[in-house]
PDB file of N, CA and C in Angstrom:
ATOM      1  N   UNK A   1       0.668  -1.307  -0.083  1.00  0.00           N
ATOM      2  CA  UNK A   1       0.184  -0.021  -0.148  1.00  0.00           C
ATOM      3  C   UNK A   1       0.913   1.222  -0.136  1.00  0.00           C
ATOM      4  N   UNK A   2       2.041   0.842   0.576  1.00  0.00           N
ATOM      5  CA  UNK A   2       2.680   2.327   0.826  1.00  0.00           C
ATOM      6  C   UNK A   2       3.295   2.794  -0.657  1.00  0.00           C
ATOM      7  N   UNK A   3       3.529   1.353  -1.486  1.00  0.00           N
ATOM      8  CA  UNK A   3       4.297   1.750  -2.707  1.00  0.00           C
ATOM      9  C   UNK A   3       3.415   2.666  -3.614  1.00  0.00           C
ATOM     10  N   UNK A   4       1.774   1.942  -3.623  1.00  0.00           N
ATOM     11  CA  UNK A   4       0.994   2.455  -4.223  1.00  0.00           C
ATOM     12  C   UNK A   4       0.776   4.089  -3.941  1.00  0.00           C
ATOM     13  N   UNK A   5       1.210   4.451  -2.788  1.00  0.00           N
ATOM     14  CA  UNK A   5       0.514   5.764  -2.022  1.00  0.00           C
ATOM     15  C   UNK A   5       1.824   6.603  -3.011  1.00  0.00           C
ATOM     16  N   UNK A   6       2.967   6.064  -2.702  1.00  0.00           N
ATOM     17  CA  UNK A   6       4.319   6.960  -3.130  1.00  0.00           C
ATOM     18  C   UNK A   6       4.227   6.833  -4.758  1.00  0.00           C
ATOM     19  N   UNK A   7       3.711   6.216  -5.452  1.00  0.00           N
ATOM     20  CA  UNK A   7       3.743   5.917  -6.967  1.00  0.00           C
ATOM     21  C   UNK A   7       2.350   7.186  -7.295  1.00  0.00           C
ATOM     22  N   UNK A   8       1.630   7.168  -6.613  1.00  0.00           N
ATOM     23  CA  UNK A   8       0.429   8.159  -6.740  1.00  0.00           C
ATOM     24  C   UNK A   8       0.909   9.642  -6.403  1.00  0.00           C
ATOM     25  N   UNK A   9       2.041   9.715  -5.521  1.00  0.00           N
ATOM     26  CA  UNK A   9       2.149  11.068  -5.526  1.00  0.00           C
ATOM     27  C   UNK A   9       3.534  11.437  -6.432  1.00  0.00           C
ATOM     28  N   UNK A  10       3.906  10.399  -6.961  1.00  0.00           N
ATOM     29  CA  UNK A  10       5.068  10.882  -7.972  1.00  0.00           C
ATOM     30  C   UNK A  10       4.248  11.154  -8.848  1.00  0.00           C
ATOM     31  N   UNK A  11       3.200  10.862  -9.321  1.00  0.00           N
ATOM     32  CA  UNK A  11       2.348  10.690 -10.360  1.00  0.00           C
ATOM     33  C   UNK A  11       2.113  12.029 -10.587  1.00  0.00           C
ATOM     34  N   UNK A  12       1.537  12.418  -9.276  1.00  0.00           N
ATOM     35  CA  UNK A  12       0.785  13.726  -9.170  1.00  0.00           C
ATOM     36  C   UNK A  12       2.260  15.002  -9.151  1.00  0.00           C
ATOM     37  N   UNK A  13       3.022  14.546  -8.729  1.00  0.00           N
ATOM     38  CA  UNK A  13       4.169  15.596  -8.881  1.00  0.00           C
ATOM     39  C   UNK A  13       4.519  15.845 -10.332  1.00  0.00           C
ATOM     40  N   UNK A  14       5.000  14.680 -10.917  1.00  0.00           N
ATOM     41  CA  UNK A  14       5.430  14.623 -12.344  1.00  0.00           C
ATOM     42  C   UNK A  14       4.054  15.678 -13.086  1.00  0.00           C
ATOM     43  N   UNK A  15       3.323  15.408 -12.857  1.00  0.00           N
ATOM     44  CA  UNK A  15       1.822  16.197 -13.910  1.00  0.00           C
ATOM     45  C   UNK A  15       1.824  17.488 -13.382  1.00  0.00           C
ATOM     46  N   UNK A  16       2.157  18.101 -12.471  1.00  0.00           N
ATOM     47  CA  UNK A  16       2.057  19.440 -12.249  1.00  0.00           C
ATOM     48  C   UNK A  16       3.319  20.212 -12.685  1.00  0.00           C
ATOM     49  N   UNK A  17       4.581  19.476 -12.692  1.00  0.00           N
ATOM     50  CA  UNK A  17       5.634  20.078 -13.083  1.00  0.00           C
ATOM     51  C   UNK A  17       5.728  19.919 -14.764  1.00  0.00           C
ATOM     52  N   UNK A  18       4.863  19.242 -15.675  1.00  0.00           N
ATOM     53  CA  UNK A  18       4.782  19.132 -16.979  1.00  0.00           C
ATOM     54  C   UNK A  18       4.787  20.322 -17.515  1.00  0.00           C
ATOM     55  N   UNK A  19       4.410  21.452 -17.333  1.00  0.00           N
ATOM     56  CA  UNK A  19       4.326  22.667 -17.931  1.00  0.00           C
ATOM     57  C   UNK A  19       5.638  23.387 -17.673  1.00  0.00           C
ATOM     58  N   UNK A  20       6.229  23.012 -17.046  1.00  0.00           N
ATOM     59  CA  UNK A  20       8.063  23.861 -16.936  1.00  0.00           C
ATOM     60  C   UNK A  20       8.984  23.093 -18.327  1.00  0.00           C
ATOM     61  N   UNK A  21       7.953  21.534 -18.690  1.00  0.00           N
ATOM     62  CA  UNK A  21       8.997  21.168 -19.669  1.00  0.00           C
ATOM     63  C   UNK A  21       7.970  21.179 -21.063  1.00  0.00           C
ATOM     64  N   UNK A  22       7.203  21.925 -21.001  1.00  0.00           N
ATOM     65  CA  UNK A  22       6.886  21.987 -22.529  1.00  0.00           C
ATOM     66  C   UNK A  22       7.474  23.022 -23.264  1.00  0.00           C
ATOM     67  N   UNK A  23       7.453  22.438 -24.476  1.00  0.00           N
ATOM     68  CA  UNK A  23       8.201  23.453 -25.578  1.00  0.00           C
ATOM     69  C   UNK A  23       7.672  24.430 -25.768  1.00  0.00           C
ATOM     70  N   UNK A  24       8.586  25.578 -25.910  1.00  0.00           N
ATOM     71  CA  UNK A  24       7.973  27.055 -26.456  1.00  0.00           C
ATOM     72  C   UNK A  24       8.767  27.580 -27.819  1.00  0.00           C
ATOM     73  N   UNK A  25       7.635  28.164 -28.410  1.00  0.00           N
ATOM     74  CA  UNK A  25       8.285  28.735 -29.572  1.00  0.00           C
ATOM     75  C   UNK A  25       8.421  30.659 -29.492  1.00  0.00           C
ATOM     76  N   UNK A  26       9.881  30.505 -30.025  1.00  0.00           N
ATOM     77  CA  UNK A  26      10.271  32.185 -29.889  1.00  0.00           C
ATOM     78  C   UNK A  26       9.783  33.132 -31.047  1.00  0.00           C
ATOM     79  N   UNK A  27       9.345  33.792 -31.564  1.00  0.00           N
ATOM     80  CA  UNK A  27       9.372  34.593 -33.180  1.00  0.00           C
ATOM     81  C   UNK A  27      10.877  35.456 -32.794  1.00  0.00           C
ATOM     82  N   UNK A  28      11.513  35.139 -33.560  1.00  0.00           N
ATOM     83  CA  UNK A  28      12.774  35.822 -33.495  1.00  0.00           C
ATOM     84  C   UNK A  28      12.729  37.224 -33.670  1.00  0.00           C
ATOM     85  N   UNK A  29      13.711  37.852 -32.991  1.00  0.00           N
ATOM     86  CA  UNK A  29      13.511  39.389 -32.846  1.00  0.00           C
ATOM     87  C   UNK A  29      12.542  39.988 -31.954  1.00  0.00           C
ATOM     88  N   UNK A  30      11.733  39.169 -31.471  1.00  0.00           N
ATOM     89  CA  UNK A  30      10.568  39.435 -30.407  1.00  0.00           C
ATOM     90  C   UNK A  30       9.552  40.059 -31.477  1.00  0.00           C
ATOM     91  N   UNK A  31       9.173  41.584 -30.839  1.00  0.00           N
ATOM     92  CA  UNK A  31       8.725  42.300 -31.586  1.00  0.00           C
ATOM     93  C   UNK A  31       8.629  42.554 -33.299  1.00  0.00           C
ATOM     94  N   UNK A  32       9.664  42.483 -33.527  1.00  0.00           N
ATOM     95  CA  UNK A  32      10.353  42.944 -34.631  1.00  0.00           C
ATOM     96  C   UNK A  32      10.052  41.903 -35.779  1.00  0.00           C
ATOM     97  N   UNK A  33       9.675  41.758 -36.984  1.00  0.00           N
ATOM     98  CA  UNK A  33       9.749  40.739 -37.842  1.00  0.00           C
ATOM     99  C   UNK A  33      11.270  40.540 -38.288  1.00  0.00           C
ATOM    100  N   UNK A  34      11.913  39.817 -38.755  1.00  0.00           N
ATOM    101  CA  UNK A  34      12.942  39.253 -39.265  1.00  0.00           C
ATOM    102  C   UNK A  34      13.198  40.009 -40.473  1.00  0.00           C
ATOM    103  N   UNK A  35      14.215  40.993 -40.082  1.00  0.00           N
ATOM    104  CA  UNK A  35      14.819  41.919 -41.351  1.00  0.00           C
ATOM    105  C   UNK A  35      16.089  42.419 -41.193  1.00  0.00           C
ATOM    106  N   UNK A  36      16.425  43.332 -41.876  1.00  0.00           N
ATOM    107  CA  UNK A  36      17.936  44.287 -41.327  1.00  0.00           C
ATOM    108  C   UNK A  36      17.477  45.146 -40.294  1.00  0.00           C
ATOM    109  N   UNK A  37      18.286  45.055 -38.980  1.00  0.00           N
ATOM    110  CA  UNK A  37      17.957  45.833 -37.964  1.00  0.00           C
ATOM    111  C   UNK A  37      18.326  47.162 -38.247  1.00  0.00           C
ATOM    112  N   UNK A  38      17.258  48.077 -38.098  1.00  0.00           N
ATOM    113  CA  UNK A  38      17.316  49.556 -37.964  1.00  0.00           C
ATOM    114  C   UNK A  38      18.379  50.478 -37.304  1.00  0.00           C
ATOM    115  N   UNK A  39      18.560  51.312 -37.661  1.00  0.00           N
ATOM    116  CA  UNK A  39      19.979  51.691 -37.202  1.00  0.00           C
ATOM    117  C   UNK A  39      19.748  52.317 -35.850  1.00  0.00           C
ATOM    118  N   UNK A  40      18.863  52.323 -35.260  1.00  0.00           N
ATOM    119  CA  UNK A  40      18.453  52.682 -33.736  1.00  0.00           C
ATOM    120  C   UNK A  40      18.628  51.483 -32.961  1.00  0.00           C
ATOM    121  N   UNK A  41      18.770  50.023 -33.609  1.00  0.00           N
ATOM    122  CA  UNK A  41      18.659  48.840 -32.854  1.00  0.00           C
ATOM    123  C   UNK A  41      19.720  47.754 -33.653  1.00  0.00           C
ATOM    124  N   UNK A  42      21.001  48.419 -34.007  1.00  0.00           N
ATOM    125  CA  UNK A  42      21.666  47.721 -34.956  1.00  0.00           C
ATOM    126  C   UNK A  42      22.106  45.967 -34.104  1.00  0.00           C
ATOM    127  N   UNK A  43      21.791  45.859 -32.952  1.00  0.00           N
ATOM    128  CA  UNK A  43      22.215  44.702 -32.358  1.00  0.00           C
ATOM    129  C   UNK A  43      20.912  44.239 -31.846  1.00  0.00           C
ATOM    130  N   UNK A  44      19.749  44.312 -32.390  1.00  0.00           N
ATOM    131  CA  UNK A  44      18.147  43.729 -31.620  1.00  0.00           C
ATOM    132  C   UNK A  44      18.117  42.273 -31.645  1.00  0.00           C
ATOM    133  N   UNK A  45      19.164  41.518 -32.963  1.00  0.00           N
ATOM    134  CA  UNK A  45      18.805  39.984 -32.633  1.00  0.00           C
ATOM    135  C   UNK A  45      19.946  39.633 -31.774  1.00  0.00           C
ATOM    136  N   UNK A  46      21.283  40.003 -31.476  1.00  0.00           N
ATOM    137  CA  UNK A  46      21.930  39.637 -30.579  1.00  0.00           C
ATOM    138  C   UNK A  46      21.940  39.848 -29.010  1.00  0.00           C
ATOM    139  N   UNK A  47      21.018  40.959 -28.899  1.00  0.00           N
ATOM    140  CA  UNK A  47      20.804  40.914 -27.805  1.00  0.00           C
ATOM    141  C   UNK A  47      18.771  40.212 -27.564  1.00  0.00           C
ATOM    142  N   UNK A  48      18.421  40.053 -28.431  1.00  0.00           N
ATOM    143  CA  UNK A  48      17.037  38.936 -28.566  1.00  0.00           C
ATOM    144  C   UNK A  48      17.602  37.537 -28.177  1.00  0.00           C
ATOM    145  N   UNK A  49      18.664  36.973 -28.901  1.00  0.00           N
ATOM    146  CA  UNK A  49      19.234  35.554 -28.578  1.00  0.00           C
ATOM    147  C   UNK A  49      19.252  35.773 -26.950  1.00  0.00           C
ATOM    148  N   UNK A  50      20.327  36.884 -26.473  1.00  0.00           N
ATOM    149  CA  UNK A  50      20.536  36.555 -25.282  1.00  0.00           C
ATOM    150  C   UNK A  50      19.420  36.901 -24.351  1.00  0.00           C
ATOM    151  N   UNK A  51      18.646  37.436 -24.518  1.00  0.00           N
ATOM    152  CA  UNK A  51      16.877  37.421 -23.536  1.00  0.00           C
ATOM    153  C   UNK A  51      16.199  36.296 -23.458  1.00  0.00           C
ATOM    154  N   UNK A  52      16.083  35.490 -24.721  1.00  0.00           N
ATOM    155  CA  UNK A  52      15.616  34.301 -24.931  1.00  0.00           C
ATOM    156  C   UNK A  52      16.075  32.681 -23.992  1.00  0.00           C
ATOM    157  N   UNK A  53      14.957  32.238 -23.093  1.00  0.00           N
ATOM    158  CA  UNK A  53      15.687  31.338 -22.777  1.00  0.00           C
ATOM    159  C   UNK A  53      15.485  29.984 -23.304  1.00  0.00           C
ATOM    160  N   UNK A  54      15.853  29.939 -24.575  1.00  0.00           N
ATOM    161  CA  UNK A  54      15.612  28.688 -25.342  1.00  0.00           C
ATOM    162  C   UNK A  54      16.323  27.447 -24.825  1.00  0.00           C
ATOM    163  N   UNK A  55      15.485  26.241 -24.939  1.00  0.00           N
ATOM    164  CA  UNK A  55      16.012  25.140 -24.727  1.00  0.00           C
ATOM    165  C   UNK A  55      15.839  24.079 -25.486  1.00  0.00           C
ATOM    166  N   UNK A  56      16.482  22.634 -25.505  1.00  0.00           N
ATOM    167  CA  UNK A  56      16.384  21.818 -26.521  1.00  0.00           C
ATOM    168  C   UNK A  56      14.608  21.355 -26.415  1.00  0.00           C
ATOM    169  N   UNK A  57      14.251  21.355 -27.939  1.00  0.00           N
ATOM    170  CA  UNK A  57      12.952  20.884 -28.150  1.00  0.00           C
ATOM    171  C   UNK A  57      12.107  22.151 -28.385  1.00  0.00           C
ATOM    172  N   UNK A  58      12.638  23.497 -28.515  1.00  0.00           N
ATOM    173  CA  UNK A  58      11.952  24.913 -28.280  1.00  0.00           C
ATOM    174  C   UNK A  58      11.992  24.945 -29.944  1.00  0.00           C
ATOM    175  N   UNK A  59      11.131  25.916 -30.351  1.00  0.00           N
ATOM    176  CA  UNK A  59      11.149  26.010 -31.646  1.00  0.00           C
ATOM    177  C   UNK A  59      11.379  27.761 -32.073  1.00  0.00           C
ATOM    178  N   UNK A  60      12.254  28.123 -33.054  1.00  0.00           N
ATOM    179  CA  UNK A  60      12.176  29.525 -33.768  1.00  0.00           C
ATOM    180  C   UNK A  60      11.341  30.006 -34.218  1.00  0.00           C
ATOM    181  N   UNK A  61      10.694  31.051 -34.536  1.00  0.00           N
ATOM    182  CA  UNK A  61       9.736  31.287 -35.661  1.00  0.00           C
ATOM    183  C   UNK A  61      10.285  32.499 -36.254  1.00  0.00           C
ATOM    184  N   UNK A  62      10.523  32.402 -37.315  1.00  0.00           N
ATOM    185  CA  UNK A  62      11.006  33.649 -38.301  1.00  0.00           C
ATOM    186  C   UNK A  62       9.841  34.065 -39.159  1.00  0.00           C
ATOM    187  N   UNK A  63       9.563  35.355 -39.103  1.00  0.00           N
ATOM    188  CA  UNK A  63       8.346  35.871 -40.137  1.00  0.00           C
ATOM    189  C   UNK A  63       8.975  36.939 -40.722  1.00  0.00           C
ATOM    190  N   UNK A  64       8.793  36.504 -42.177  1.00  0.00           N
ATOM    191  CA  UNK A  64       9.205  37.696 -43.036  1.00  0.00           C
ATOM    192  C   UNK A  64       8.673  37.471 -44.362  1.00  0.00           C
ATOM    193  N   UNK A  65       8.759  38.618 -45.566  1.00  0.00           N
ATOM    194  CA  UNK A  65       8.110  38.623 -46.752  1.00  0.00           C
ATOM    195  C   UNK A  65       9.062  37.543 -47.541  1.00  0.00           C
ATOM    196  N   UNK A  66       8.515  36.346 -47.882  1.00  0.00           N
ATOM    197  CA  UNK A  66       9.261  35.347 -48.796  1.00  0.00           C
ATOM    198  C   UNK A  66       9.567  35.624 -49.766  1.00  0.00           C
ATOM    199  N   UNK A  67       9.441  36.748 -50.674  1.00  0.00           N
ATOM    200  CA  UNK A  67       9.835  37.706 -51.630  1.00  0.00           C
ATOM    201  C   UNK A  67      11.001  37.740 -51.307  1.00  0.00           C
ATOM    202  N   UNK A  68      11.329  38.450 -50.496  1.00  0.00           N
ATOM    203  CA  UNK A  68      12.309  39.490 -50.012  1.00  0.00           C
ATOM    204  C   UNK A  68      13.350  39.038 -49.121  1.00  0.00           C
ATOM    205  N   UNK A  69      13.386  37.325 -48.393  1.00  0.00           N
ATOM    206  CA  UNK A  69      14.401  37.034 -47.426  1.00  0.00           C
ATOM    207  C   UNK A  69      13.863  35.569 -47.145  1.00  0.00           C
ATOM    208  N   UNK A  70      14.922  35.366 -46.391  1.00  0.00           N
ATOM    209  CA  UNK A  70      15.098  33.951 -45.935  1.00  0.00           C
ATOM    210  C   UNK A  70      16.070  33.617 -44.549  1.00  0.00           C
ATOM    211  N   UNK A  71      15.964  32.761 -44.281  1.00  0.00           N
ATOM    212  CA  UNK A  71      16.519  32.213 -42.979  1.00  0.00           C
ATOM    213  C   UNK A  71      17.642  30.938 -43.020  1.00  0.00           C
ATOM    214  N   UNK A  72      18.938  30.904 -42.453  1.00  0.00           N
ATOM    215  CA  UNK A  72      19.732  30.034 -42.916  1.00  0.00           C
ATOM    216  C   UNK A  72      20.269  29.618 -41.562  1.00  0.00           C
ATOM    217  N   UNK A  73      20.657  28.261 -41.585  1.00  0.00           N
ATOM    218  CA  UNK A  73      21.503  27.665 -40.453  1.00  0.00           C
ATOM    219  C   UNK A  73      22.625  27.709 -40.833  1.00  0.00           C
ATOM    220  N   UNK A  74      23.684  28.135 -40.242  1.00  0.00           N
ATOM    221  CA  UNK A  74      25.012  28.134 -40.701  1.00  0.00           C
ATOM    222  C   UNK A  74      26.101  27.266 -39.273  1.00  0.00           C
ATOM    223  N   UNK A  75      27.283  26.985 -39.942  1.00  0.00           N
ATOM    224  CA  UNK A  75      28.290  26.518 -39.315  1.00  0.00           C
ATOM    225  C   UNK A  75      28.857  27.785 -38.429  1.00  0.00           C
ATOM    226  N   UNK A  76      29.299  27.405 -37.431  1.00  0.00           N
ATOM    227  CA  UNK A  76      30.303  28.875 -36.637  1.00  0.00           C
ATOM    228  C   UNK A  76      31.439  29.537 -37.803  1.00  0.00           C
ATOM    229  N   UNK A  77      32.227  28.724 -38.350  1.00  0.00           N
ATOM    230  CA  UNK A  77      32.865  29.117 -39.748  1.00  0.00           C
ATOM    231  C   UNK A  77      32.220  29.976 -40.302  1.00  0.00           C
ATOM    232  N   UNK A  78      31.192  29.429 -40.969  1.00  0.00           N
ATOM    233  CA  UNK A  78      30.347  29.988 -41.608  1.00  0.00           C
ATOM    234  C   UNK A  78      29.647  31.751 -41.471  1.00  0.00           C
ATOM    235  N   UNK A  79      29.289  31.315 -40.148  1.00  0.00           N
ATOM    236  CA  UNK A  79      28.508  32.437 -39.568  1.00  0.00           C
ATOM    237  C   UNK A  79      29.370  33.754 -39.299  1.00  0.00           C
ATOM    238  N   UNK A  80      30.596  33.139 -39.000  1.00  0.00           N
ATOM    239  CA  UNK A  80      31.782  34.604 -38.677  1.00  0.00           C
ATOM    240  C   UNK A  80      32.151  35.183 -39.917  1.00  0.00           C
ATOM    241  N   UNK A  81      32.508  33.888 -40.934  1.00  0.00           N
ATOM    242  CA  UNK A  81      32.716  34.890 -42.098  1.00  0.00           C
ATOM    243  C   UNK A  81      31.536  35.521 -42.960  1.00  0.00           C
ATOM    244  N   UNK A  82      30.111  35.365 -42.355  1.00  0.00           N
ATOM    245  CA  UNK A  82      29.116  35.894 -43.405  1.00  0.00           C
ATOM    246  C   UNK A  82      28.569  35.151 -44.454  1.00  0.00           C
ATOM    247  N   UNK A  83      29.517  33.506 -44.500  1.00  0.00           N
ATOM    248  CA  UNK A  83      29.354  32.764 -45.748  1.00  0.00           C
ATOM    249  C   UNK A  83      28.346  32.237 -45.869  1.00  0.00           C
ATOM    250  N   UNK A  84      26.850  32.824 -46.734  1.00  0.00           N
ATOM    251  CA  UNK A  84      25.791  32.080 -46.579  1.00  0.00           C
ATOM    252  C   UNK A  84      25.248  31.188 -47.744  1.00  0.00           C
ATOM    253  N   UNK A  85      26.338  30.721 -48.786  1.00  0.00           N
ATOM    254  CA  UNK A  85      26.746  29.829 -49.613  1.00  0.00           C
ATOM    255  C   UNK A  85      26.160  28.498 -49.447  1.00  0.00           C
ATOM    256  N   UNK A  86      26.474  27.815 -48.300  1.00  0.00           N
ATOM    257  CA  UNK A  86      26.339  26.508 -48.458  1.00  0.00           C
ATOM    258  C   UNK A  86      25.880  26.276 -46.748  1.00  0.00           C
ATOM    259  N   UNK A  87      24.380  27.140 -46.428  1.00  0.00           N
ATOM    260  CA  UNK A  87      23.895  26.609 -45.437  1.00  0.00           C
ATOM    261  C   UNK A  87      23.845  25.221 -44.881  1.00  0.00           C
ATOM    262  N   UNK A  88      23.726  24.972 -43.291  1.00  0.00           N
ATOM    263  CA  UNK A  88      23.214  23.612 -43.333  1.00  0.00           C
ATOM    264  C   UNK A  88      21.624  23.321 -43.592  1.00  0.00           C
ATOM    265  N   UNK A  89      20.971  24.682 -43.388  1.00  0.00           N
ATOM    266  CA  UNK A  89      19.578  24.462 -43.341  1.00  0.00           C
ATOM    267  C   UNK A  89      19.184  25.799 -44.291  1.00  0.00           C
ATOM    268  N   UNK A  90      17.785  25.750 -45.107  1.00  0.00           N
ATOM    269  CA  UNK A  90      17.471  27.204 -45.503  1.00  0.00           C
ATOM    270  C   UNK A  90      16.185  27.035 -45.619  1.00  0.00           C
ATOM    271  N   UNK A  91      15.834  28.214 -44.924  1.00  0.00           N
ATOM    272  CA  UNK A  91      13.973  28.381 -44.468  1.00  0.00           C
ATOM    273  C   UNK A  91      13.645  29.624 -45.598  1.00  0.00           C
ATOM    274  N   UNK A  92      12.797  29.239 -46.294  1.00  0.00           N
ATOM    275  CA  UNK A  92      12.354  30.616 -47.065  1.00  0.00           C
ATOM    276  C   UNK A  92      11.008  30.373 -47.642  1.00  0.00           C
ATOM    277  N   UNK A  93       9.904  30.253 -46.786  1.00  0.00           N
ATOM    278  CA  UNK A  93       8.501  30.157 -46.643  1.00  0.00           C
ATOM    279  C   UNK A  93       8.024  31.644 -45.918  1.00  0.00           C
ATOM    280  N   UNK A  94       8.642  32.046 -45.486  1.00  0.00           N
ATOM    281  CA  UNK A  94       8.403  33.435 -44.842  1.00  0.00           C
ATOM    282  C   UNK A  94       7.478  33.455 -43.362  1.00  0.00           C
ATOM    283  N   UNK A  95       7.106  32.011 -43.132  1.00  0.00           N
ATOM    284  CA  UNK A  95       6.332  31.523 -41.959  1.00  0.00           C
ATOM    285  C   UNK A  95       7.375  30.792 -41.353  1.00  0.00           C
ATOM    286  N   UNK A  96       8.600  30.242 -41.210  1.00  0.00           N
ATOM    287  CA  UNK A  96       9.589  29.661 -41.373  1.00  0.00           C
ATOM    288  C   UNK A  96       9.924  29.168 -39.739  1.00  0.00           C
ATOM    289  N   UNK A  97       9.584  28.058 -39.339  1.00  0.00           N
ATOM    290  CA  UNK A  97       9.636  27.553 -37.981  1.00  0.00           C
ATOM    291  C   UNK A  97      11.276  26.656 -38.236  1.00  0.00           C
ATOM    292  N   UNK A  98      12.068  26.647 -37.220  1.00  0.00           N
ATOM    293  CA  UNK A  98      13.122  26.056 -37.040  1.00  0.00           C
ATOM    294  C   UNK A  98      13.121  25.029 -35.313  1.00  0.00           C
ATOM    295  N   UNK A  99      13.077  23.783 -35.164  1.00  0.00           N
ATOM    296  CA  UNK A  99      13.013  23.222 -34.171  1.00  0.00           C
ATOM    297  C   UNK A  99      14.539  23.154 -33.803  1.00  0.00           C
ATOM    298  N   UNK A 100      14.624  23.305 -32.470  1.00  0.00           N
ATOM    299  CA  UNK A 100      15.720  23.067 -31.744  1.00  0.00           C
ATOM    300  C   UNK A 100      15.666  21.419 -31.195  1.00  0.00           C
ATOM    301  N   UNK A 101      16.519  20.507 -32.016  1.00  0.00           N
ATOM    302  CA  UNK A 101      16.555  19.512 -31.851  1.00  0.00           C
ATOM    303  C   UNK A 101      17.903  18.968 -31.244  1.00  0.00           C
ATOM    304  N   UNK A 102      18.690  19.430 -31.201  1.00  0.00           N
ATOM    305  CA  UNK A 102      20.686  19.058 -31.352  1.00  0.00           C
ATOM    306  C   UNK A 102      20.916  19.977 -29.918  1.00  0.00           C
ATOM    307  N   UNK A 103      21.594  19.715 -29.082  1.00  0.00           N
ATOM    308  CA  UNK A 103      22.067  20.634 -27.864  1.00  0.00           C
ATOM    309  C   UNK A 103      23.436  21.196 -28.759  1.00  0.00           C
ATOM    310  N   UNK A 104      23.748  22.035 -28.253  1.00  0.00           N
ATOM    311  CA  UNK A 104      25.042  23.237 -28.463  1.00  0.00           C
ATOM    312  C   UNK A 104      24.538  24.390 -28.870  1.00  0.00           C
ATOM    313  N   UNK A 105      25.531  25.165 -29.641  1.00  0.00           N
ATOM    314  CA  UNK A 105      25.124  26.370 -30.144  1.00  0.00           C
ATOM    315  C   UNK A 105      24.524  26.831 -31.772  1.00  0.00           C
ATOM    316  N   UNK A 106      23.685  27.331 -32.418  1.00  0.00           N
ATOM    317  CA  UNK A 106      22.950  27.196 -33.237  1.00  0.00           C
ATOM    318  C   UNK A 106      23.518  28.697 -34.024  1.00  0.00           C
ATOM    319  N   UNK A 107      23.843  28.764 -35.123  1.00  0.00           N
ATOM    320  CA  UNK A 107      23.882  29.876 -35.754  1.00  0.00           C
ATOM    321  C   UNK A 107      23.235  30.089 -36.950  1.00  0.00           C
ATOM    322  N   UNK A 108      22.256  31.705 -37.030  1.00  0.00           N
ATOM    323  CA  UNK A 108      21.310  31.731 -37.711  1.00  0.00           C
ATOM    324  C   UNK A 108      21.547  33.019 -38.787  1.00  0.00           C
ATOM    325  N   UNK A 109      21.362  33.535 -39.987  1.00  0.00           N
ATOM    326  CA  UNK A 109      21.553  34.475 -40.898  1.00  0.00           C
ATOM    327  C   UNK A 109      20.566  34.753 -41.896  1.00  0.00           C
ATOM    328  N   UNK A 110      20.179  35.762 -42.214  1.00  0.00           N
ATOM    329  CA  UNK A 110      19.580  35.843 -43.555  1.00  0.00           C
ATOM    330  C   UNK A 110      20.431  35.576 -44.591  1.00  0.00           C
ATOM    331  N   UNK A 111      19.777  34.997 -45.417  1.00  0.00           N
ATOM    332  CA  UNK A 111      20.736  34.679 -46.875  1.00  0.00           C
ATOM    333  C   UNK A 111      20.407  35.489 -47.959  1.00  0.00           C
ATOM    334  N   UNK A 112      19.678  36.456 -47.810  1.00  0.00           N
ATOM    335  CA  UNK A 112      19.623  37.611 -48.788  1.00  0.00           C
ATOM    336  C   UNK A 112      21.258  38.311 -48.641  1.00  0.00           C
ATOM    337  N   UNK A 113      21.226  38.995 -49.918  1.00  0.00           N
ATOM    338  CA  UNK A 113      22.431  39.343 -50.239  1.00  0.00           C
ATOM    339  C   UNK A 113      22.708  40.768 -49.248  1.00  0.00           C
ATOM    340  N   UNK A 114      24.023  40.961 -48.321  1.00  0.00           N
ATOM    341  CA  UNK A 114      25.027  41.718 -48.120  1.00  0.00           C
ATOM    342  C   UNK A 114      24.084  41.631 -46.087  1.00  0.00           C
ATOM    343  N   UNK A 115      22.867  41.298 -46.198  1.00  0.00           N
ATOM    344  CA  UNK A 115      22.246  41.190 -44.846  1.00  0.00           C
ATOM    345  C   UNK A 115      23.012  40.459 -43.441  1.00  0.00           C
ATOM    346  N   UNK A 116      23.456  39.566 -44.018  1.00  0.00           N
ATOM    347  CA  UNK A 116      24.583  38.972 -42.603  1.00  0.00           C
ATOM    348  C   UNK A 116      25.444  40.315 -42.127  1.00  0.00           C
ATOM    349  N   UNK A 117      26.067  40.757 -43.131  1.00  0.00           N
ATOM    350  CA  UNK A 117      27.271  41.892 -42.512  1.00  0.00           C
ATOM    351  C   UNK A 117      26.467  42.724 -41.842  1.00  0.00           C
ATOM    352  N   UNK A 118      25.208  43.023 -42.135  1.00  0.00           N
ATOM    353  CA  UNK A 118      24.440  44.450 -41.907  1.00  0.00           C
ATOM    354  C   UNK A 118      23.610  44.275 -40.651  1.00  0.00           C
ATOM    355  N   UNK A 119      23.755  42.989 -39.922  1.00  0.00           N
ATOM    356  CA  UNK A 119      23.810  42.406 -38.319  1.00  0.00           C
ATOM    357  C   UNK A 119      22.280  41.680 -38.463  1.00  0.00           C
ATOM    358  N   UNK A 120      21.814  41.329 -39.809  1.00  0.00           N
ATOM    359  CA  UNK A 120      21.047  40.303 -39.381  1.00  0.00           C
ATOM    360  C   UNK A 120      21.309  38.829 -39.505  1.00  0.00           C
ATOM    361  N   UNK A 121      21.371  38.522 -38.154  1.00  0.00           N
ATOM    362  CA  UNK A 121      22.370  37.064 -37.744  1.00  0.00           C
ATOM    363  C   UNK A 121      22.688  37.162 -35.914  1.00  0.00           C
ATOM    364  N   UNK A 122      22.414  35.946 -35.711  1.00  0.00           N
ATOM    365  CA  UNK A 122      22.135  35.822 -34.204  1.00  0.00           C
ATOM    366  C   UNK A 122      22.824  34.608 -33.736  1.00  0.00           C
ATOM    367  N   UNK A 123      23.431  34.180 -32.933  1.00  0.00           N
ATOM    368  CA  UNK A 123      23.610  32.651 -32.337  1.00  0.00           C
ATOM    369  C   UNK A 123      23.275  32.331 -31.294  1.00  0.00           C
ATOM    370  N   UNK A 124      22.816  31.039 -30.350  1.00  0.00           N
ATOM    371  CA  UNK A 124      22.189  30.284 -29.813  1.00  0.00           C
ATOM    372  C   UNK A 124      23.328  30.056 -28.798  1.00  0.00           C
ATOM    373  N   UNK A 125      23.551  30.232 -27.542  1.00  0.00           N
ATOM    374  CA  UNK A 125      24.133  29.338 -26.954  1.00  0.00           C
ATOM    375  C   UNK A 125      23.524  27.935 -26.330  1.00  0.00           C
TER     376      UNK A 125
END
């Protein structure tokens, strides 16, 4: 009987803490759409990436006009050089969702010409 009571208690505890384990979806840039940062906020994506508590299983939502932009996942080396020519993944439908399925750092940029160098990029730790 004690085992049954302990099992019931464990079940109750695990059910109440499930909300803390649920995956979240974060809109990249917060209130701003995915695009070249304005001169008033050149580091908008760097600040955003530092402010969101992303974890494995969460998702990133990129919102942009598909005829004008895209989002790519890059290697660390490509990110540092703003080389978007051979991305790990390219998202280009305008309502792109990237699921964080691997632990470690992740690097993202726009694939549109020159936008990475204008600050339209970020990395997650």
